[in-house]
Amino acid sequence: MPKYLYKTTFVEIPSEKKWYESAPRTDPHSLVRSGYFKDHLNEMGDEGWRLVTVEALNTAEPSSMTPFSMTRGYYFFWMKES
């Protein structure tokens, strides 16, 4: 029976916006096309890791008066056979 290794990585979304500015409208597909996540995905794939799932990290500023949270980055969950 095969044994697996598991790994979690985090990639932050580059953003210059502050909590008091308008909410960023980041298209996840544009991040992949721009190469921002593409390099990370390719590096992990080259090492034999298989992407299992991706989860967004959404946060709201405690002092914010805005009714929305902002996506700060993504957690990537990986596995590979040991």
N, C-alpha and C. Protein backbone atom coordinates (compact mmCIF):
# COMPACT_ATOMS: atom_id res chain seq x y z
N MET A 1 0.84 -1.18 0.00
CA MET A 1 0.00 0.00 0.00
C MET A 1 0.89 1.24 0.00
N PRO A 2 0.63 2.22 -0.92
CA PRO A 2 1.49 3.40 -0.99
C PRO A 2 1.33 4.32 0.21
N LYS A 3 2.42 5.01 0.54
CA LYS A 3 2.39 6.00 1.60
C LYS A 3 2.55 7.37 0.95
N TYR A 4 1.93 8.38 1.57
CA TYR A 4 1.93 9.71 0.99
C TYR A 4 2.51 10.74 1.94
N LEU A 5 3.12 11.75 1.35
CA LEU A 5 3.59 12.92 2.07
C LEU A 5 2.60 14.05 1.78
N TYR A 6 2.39 14.93 2.74
CA TYR A 6 1.47 16.04 2.57
C TYR A 6 2.19 17.34 2.89
N LYS A 7 1.82 18.40 2.20
CA LYS A 7 2.47 19.69 2.40
C LYS A 7 1.44 20.80 2.14
N THR A 8 1.56 21.88 2.90
CA THR A 8 0.71 23.05 2.71
C THR A 8 1.60 24.25 2.45
N THR A 9 1.27 25.02 1.43
CA THR A 9 2.01 26.24 1.14
C THR A 9 1.02 27.41 1.09
N PHE A 10 1.53 28.60 1.26
CA PHE A 10 0.70 29.80 1.21
C PHE A 10 1.32 30.79 0.24
N VAL A 11 0.50 31.35 -0.64
CA VAL A 11 0.96 32.38 -1.56
C VAL A 11 0.09 33.61 -1.35
N GLU A 12 0.74 34.71 -0.97
CA GLU A 12 0.04 35.95 -0.70
C GLU A 12 -0.24 36.69 -2.01
N ILE A 13 -1.40 37.34 -2.08
CA ILE A 13 -1.74 38.15 -3.24
C ILE A 13 -1.10 39.53 -3.04
N PRO A 14 -0.34 39.98 -4.02
CA PRO A 14 0.26 41.30 -3.88
C PRO A 14 -0.83 42.37 -4.00
N SER A 15 -0.91 43.25 -3.03
CA SER A 15 -1.92 44.30 -3.05
C SER A 15 -1.40 45.53 -2.35
N GLU A 16 -1.61 46.66 -2.98
CA GLU A 16 -1.22 47.94 -2.39
C GLU A 16 -2.41 48.60 -1.70
N LYS A 17 -3.59 48.00 -1.79
CA LYS A 17 -4.80 48.61 -1.24
C LYS A 17 -4.83 48.51 0.28
N LYS A 18 -5.37 49.53 0.90
CA LYS A 18 -5.55 49.57 2.35
C LYS A 18 -7.00 49.25 2.66
N TRP A 19 -7.29 49.01 3.93
CA TRP A 19 -8.64 48.62 4.32
C TRP A 19 -9.68 49.69 4.00
N TYR A 20 -9.28 50.95 3.97
CA TYR A 20 -10.24 52.02 3.75
C TYR A 20 -10.47 52.31 2.25
N GLU A 21 -9.72 51.64 1.40
CA GLU A 21 -9.93 51.81 -0.03
C GLU A 21 -10.96 50.80 -0.51
N SER A 22 -11.33 50.90 -1.76
CA SER A 22 -12.33 49.97 -2.28
C SER A 22 -11.79 48.55 -2.28
N ALA A 23 -12.71 47.61 -2.24
CA ALA A 23 -12.33 46.19 -2.21
C ALA A 23 -11.62 45.82 -3.50
N PRO A 24 -10.54 45.06 -3.41
CA PRO A 24 -9.86 44.64 -4.63
C PRO A 24 -10.72 43.65 -5.40
N ARG A 25 -10.73 43.80 -6.67
CA ARG A 25 -11.49 42.89 -7.54
C ARG A 25 -10.48 42.05 -8.31
N THR A 26 -9.89 41.09 -7.63
CA THR A 26 -8.85 40.27 -8.23
C THR A 26 -9.47 39.04 -8.87
N ASP A 27 -9.23 38.87 -10.16
CA ASP A 27 -9.68 37.69 -10.87
C ASP A 27 -8.62 36.60 -10.67
N PRO A 28 -8.98 35.47 -10.03
CA PRO A 28 -7.98 34.42 -9.80
C PRO A 28 -7.31 33.94 -11.08
N HIS A 29 -8.03 33.93 -12.18
CA HIS A 29 -7.44 33.48 -13.45
C HIS A 29 -6.34 34.43 -13.91
N SER A 30 -6.49 35.72 -13.62
CA SER A 30 -5.46 36.68 -14.02
C SER A 30 -4.17 36.44 -13.25
N LEU A 31 -4.26 35.95 -12.01
CA LEU A 31 -3.06 35.65 -11.23
C LEU A 31 -2.28 34.51 -11.84
N VAL A 32 -2.98 33.52 -12.36
CA VAL A 32 -2.31 32.38 -13.01
C VAL A 32 -1.70 32.82 -14.33
N ARG A 33 -2.45 33.58 -15.11
CA ARG A 33 -1.96 34.05 -16.41
C ARG A 33 -0.75 34.97 -16.24
N SER A 34 -0.71 35.74 -15.17
CA SER A 34 0.40 36.69 -14.97
C SER A 34 1.68 35.99 -14.56
N GLY A 35 1.58 34.75 -14.17
CA GLY A 35 2.77 34.02 -13.73
C GLY A 35 2.99 34.07 -12.24
N TYR A 36 2.16 34.82 -11.52
CA TYR A 36 2.37 34.96 -10.08
C TYR A 36 2.23 33.61 -9.38
N PHE A 37 1.16 32.88 -9.66
CA PHE A 37 0.98 31.55 -9.08
C PHE A 37 1.60 30.47 -9.96
N LYS A 38 1.72 30.76 -11.23
CA LYS A 38 2.21 29.76 -12.18
C LYS A 38 3.59 29.24 -11.79
N ASP A 39 4.48 30.14 -11.39
CA ASP A 39 5.82 29.72 -10.99
C ASP A 39 5.77 28.77 -9.79
N HIS A 40 4.94 29.11 -8.81
CA HIS A 40 4.79 28.27 -7.62
C HIS A 40 4.23 26.89 -8.00
N LEU A 41 3.21 26.87 -8.83
CA LEU A 41 2.61 25.61 -9.25
C LEU A 41 3.62 24.75 -10.02
N ASN A 42 4.38 25.37 -10.90
CA ASN A 42 5.37 24.62 -11.68
C ASN A 42 6.49 24.08 -10.82
N GLU A 43 6.96 24.87 -9.85
CA GLU A 43 8.03 24.40 -8.96
C GLU A 43 7.58 23.18 -8.16
N MET A 44 6.37 23.26 -7.61
CA MET A 44 5.87 22.13 -6.82
C MET A 44 5.66 20.90 -7.70
N GLY A 45 5.13 21.12 -8.90
CA GLY A 45 4.93 20.00 -9.82
C GLY A 45 6.24 19.36 -10.23
N ASP A 46 7.27 20.17 -10.44
CA ASP A 46 8.59 19.64 -10.80
C ASP A 46 9.17 18.77 -9.69
N GLU A 47 8.79 19.07 -8.44
CA GLU A 47 9.26 18.27 -7.30
C GLU A 47 8.39 17.03 -7.06
N GLY A 48 7.38 16.84 -7.90
CA GLY A 48 6.55 15.65 -7.78
C GLY A 48 5.29 15.82 -6.94
N TRP A 49 4.99 17.04 -6.50
CA TRP A 49 3.81 17.28 -5.68
C TRP A 49 2.58 17.40 -6.57
N ARG A 50 1.47 16.84 -6.09
CA ARG A 50 0.19 16.93 -6.80
C ARG A 50 -0.73 17.84 -6.00
N LEU A 51 -1.33 18.81 -6.67
CA LEU A 51 -2.23 19.75 -6.02
C LEU A 51 -3.55 19.05 -5.69
N VAL A 52 -3.93 19.10 -4.41
CA VAL A 52 -5.17 18.46 -3.96
C VAL A 52 -6.31 19.46 -3.94
N THR A 53 -6.10 20.61 -3.30
CA THR A 53 -7.13 21.63 -3.21
C THR A 53 -6.50 22.98 -2.89
N VAL A 54 -7.29 24.03 -3.08
CA VAL A 54 -6.86 25.40 -2.80
C VAL A 54 -7.95 26.07 -1.97
N GLU A 55 -7.53 26.79 -0.93
CA GLU A 55 -8.47 27.52 -0.07
C GLU A 55 -8.02 28.97 0.05
N ALA A 56 -8.94 29.88 -0.09
CA ALA A 56 -8.63 31.31 0.03
C ALA A 56 -8.54 31.70 1.50
N LEU A 57 -7.63 32.62 1.80
CA LEU A 57 -7.55 33.22 3.12
C LEU A 57 -8.21 34.59 3.03
N ASN A 58 -9.38 34.72 3.62
CA ASN A 58 -10.13 35.98 3.61
C ASN A 58 -10.06 36.60 4.99
N THR A 59 -9.74 37.88 5.04
CA THR A 59 -9.66 38.57 6.32
C THR A 59 -10.33 39.93 6.20
N ALA A 60 -10.73 40.47 7.32
CA ALA A 60 -11.26 41.82 7.39
C ALA A 60 -10.45 42.58 8.43
N GLU A 61 -10.21 43.82 8.16
CA GLU A 61 -9.48 44.66 9.11
C GLU A 61 -10.39 44.92 10.31
N PRO A 62 -9.88 44.77 11.54
CA PRO A 62 -10.71 44.98 12.72
C PRO A 62 -11.28 46.39 12.82
N SER A 63 -10.57 47.37 12.31
CA SER A 63 -11.05 48.74 12.40
C SER A 63 -11.81 49.18 11.16
N SER A 64 -12.04 48.25 10.25
CA SER A 64 -12.68 48.58 8.99
C SER A 64 -14.18 48.81 9.16
N MET A 65 -14.69 49.77 8.45
CA MET A 65 -16.13 50.04 8.45
C MET A 65 -16.78 49.40 7.23
N THR A 66 -16.00 48.67 6.45
CA THR A 66 -16.53 48.06 5.23
C THR A 66 -17.15 46.71 5.55
N PRO A 67 -18.21 46.35 4.84
CA PRO A 67 -18.93 45.11 5.12
C PRO A 67 -18.40 43.89 4.36
N PHE A 68 -17.16 43.91 3.95
CA PHE A 68 -16.64 42.79 3.18
C PHE A 68 -15.27 42.39 3.68
N SER A 69 -14.89 41.17 3.32
CA SER A 69 -13.53 40.73 3.63
C SER A 69 -12.71 40.76 2.35
N MET A 70 -11.41 40.75 2.51
CA MET A 70 -10.51 40.79 1.36
C MET A 70 -9.73 39.48 1.30
N THR A 71 -9.55 38.97 0.10
CA THR A 71 -8.74 37.78 -0.09
C THR A 71 -7.28 38.19 0.00
N ARG A 72 -6.58 37.64 0.99
CA ARG A 72 -5.17 37.99 1.23
C ARG A 72 -4.21 37.05 0.51
N GLY A 73 -4.68 35.85 0.22
CA GLY A 73 -3.83 34.87 -0.43
C GLY A 73 -4.53 33.53 -0.49
N TYR A 74 -3.78 32.52 -0.87
CA TYR A 74 -4.35 31.18 -1.03
C TYR A 74 -3.46 30.13 -0.38
N TYR A 75 -4.09 29.20 0.31
CA TYR A 75 -3.40 28.02 0.83
C TYR A 75 -3.51 26.93 -0.23
N PHE A 76 -2.39 26.29 -0.53
CA PHE A 76 -2.34 25.19 -1.48
C PHE A 76 -2.04 23.92 -0.69
N PHE A 77 -2.82 22.90 -0.89
CA PHE A 77 -2.63 21.61 -0.20
C PHE A 77 -2.14 20.59 -1.23
N TRP A 78 -0.99 19.99 -0.91
CA TRP A 78 -0.30 19.11 -1.85
C TRP A 78 -0.12 17.72 -1.26
N MET A 79 0.09 16.75 -2.14
CA MET A 79 0.45 15.39 -1.70
C MET A 79 1.33 14.76 -2.78
N LYS A 80 2.16 13.82 -2.33
CA LYS A 80 2.95 13.01 -3.26
C LYS A 80 3.28 11.69 -2.60
N GLU A 81 3.49 10.71 -3.42
CA GLU A 81 3.82 9.38 -2.91
C GLU A 81 5.25 9.39 -2.39
N SER A 82 5.43 8.82 -1.20
CA SER A 82 6.79 8.82 -0.62
C SER A 82 7.61 7.64 -1.11
